[in-house]
């Protein structure tokens, strides 16, 4: 009885990206990948800056028309007493 084993290496080699052998083609693909990376970073920086600017503008427009409150209006007066921690009995 012969058992035939399934080889997964056949699928791995079918989908594995291979580097081209020609040095100029290898350099061109590397530069293309670097260019795509730069474009993605460039747009992500602008998207992040736009999100921060939109948040700041939202805060500014949200506060429009409200009176400006002073810090003195928020003072709460009261009497305070310091409460010490209870002493725990020593463990044996």
Protein backbone atom coordinates (compact mmCIF):
# COMPACT_ATOMS: atom_id res chain seq x y z
CA UNK A 1 0.00 0.00 0.00
CA UNK A 2 1.45 3.29 -1.08
CA UNK A 3 0.43 6.47 0.67
CA UNK A 4 0.89 9.59 -1.30
CA UNK A 5 1.61 12.64 0.85
CA UNK A 6 0.33 16.05 -0.11
CA UNK A 7 3.07 18.55 -0.71
CA UNK A 8 2.37 22.09 0.41
CA UNK A 9 5.53 23.39 -1.23
CA UNK A 10 3.80 23.31 -4.61
CA UNK A 11 1.32 25.97 -3.49
CA UNK A 12 3.98 28.01 -1.73
CA UNK A 13 6.06 28.33 -4.86
CA UNK A 14 2.98 29.20 -6.95
CA UNK A 15 2.18 32.34 -4.97
CA UNK A 16 5.65 33.41 -3.80
CA UNK A 17 6.91 36.63 -5.39
CA UNK A 18 10.21 36.11 -7.14
CA UNK A 19 12.90 38.71 -7.59
CA UNK A 20 13.85 39.31 -11.20
CA UNK A 21 17.37 38.30 -12.18
CA UNK A 22 18.22 41.35 -14.23
CA UNK A 23 19.89 43.98 -12.00
CA UNK A 24 18.28 47.00 -13.69
CA UNK A 25 14.81 45.46 -13.46
CA UNK A 26 15.46 44.63 -9.81
CA UNK A 27 16.49 48.27 -9.19
CA UNK A 28 13.44 49.59 -11.05
CA UNK A 29 11.03 47.45 -9.00
CA UNK A 30 12.77 48.53 -5.79
CA UNK A 31 12.45 52.20 -6.75
CA UNK A 32 8.79 51.65 -7.68
CA UNK A 33 8.13 50.16 -4.24
CA UNK A 34 9.94 53.04 -2.56
CA UNK A 35 7.88 55.53 -4.59
CA UNK A 36 4.62 53.85 -3.58
CA UNK A 37 5.73 53.97 0.07
CA UNK A 38 6.55 57.70 -0.20
CA UNK A 39 3.16 58.45 -1.77
CA UNK A 40 1.34 56.58 1.00
CA UNK A 41 3.28 58.38 3.73
CA UNK A 42 2.74 61.74 2.01
CA UNK A 43 -1.03 61.29 1.84
CA UNK A 44 -1.28 59.89 5.37
CA UNK A 45 0.47 62.98 6.77
CA UNK A 46 -2.00 65.25 4.99
CA UNK A 47 -4.98 63.18 6.11
CA UNK A 48 -3.76 63.35 9.72
CA UNK A 49 -3.20 67.10 9.51
CA UNK A 50 -6.66 67.57 7.99
CA UNK A 51 -8.23 65.56 10.83
CA UNK A 52 -6.47 67.68 13.45
CA UNK A 53 -7.48 70.91 11.69
CA UNK A 54 -11.09 69.72 11.41
CA UNK A 55 -11.14 68.92 15.13
CA UNK A 56 -9.78 72.35 16.03
CA UNK A 57 -12.28 74.09 13.75
CA UNK A 58 -15.10 72.04 15.26
CA UNK A 59 -14.06 73.13 18.75
CA UNK A 60 -13.87 76.77 17.68
CA UNK A 61 -17.29 76.74 16.02
CA UNK A 62 -18.79 74.87 18.95
CA UNK A 63 -17.72 77.64 21.36
CA UNK A 64 -19.04 80.42 19.10
CA UNK A 65 -21.72 82.51 20.78
CA UNK A 66 -21.03 81.24 24.29
CA UNK A 67 -19.91 83.78 26.87
CA UNK A 68 -16.34 83.51 28.07
CA UNK A 69 -16.19 82.26 31.66
CA UNK A 70 -13.49 83.37 34.03
CA UNK A 71 -11.52 81.04 36.25
CA UNK A 72 -12.76 82.81 39.40
CA UNK A 73 -16.33 81.71 38.78
CA UNK A 74 -15.40 78.07 39.25
CA UNK A 75 -13.94 78.35 42.77
CA UNK A 76 -15.56 76.09 45.35
CA UNK A 77 -15.02 77.07 48.95
CA UNK A 78 -15.14 74.53 51.73
CA UNK A 79 -13.52 73.12 54.81
CA UNK A 80 -11.33 70.09 54.51
CA UNK A 81 -10.07 67.58 57.04
CA UNK A 82 -7.19 65.19 56.43
CA UNK A 83 -8.17 61.59 57.12
CA UNK A 84 -5.32 59.21 57.84
CA UNK A 85 -5.21 55.60 56.72
CA UNK A 86 -6.15 53.11 59.43
CA UNK A 87 -3.20 51.07 60.66
CA UNK A 88 -3.44 47.44 59.64
CA UNK A 89 -2.60 44.78 62.23
CA UNK A 90 0.66 42.94 61.62
CA UNK A 91 0.24 39.66 59.82
CA UNK A 92 1.63 36.54 61.49
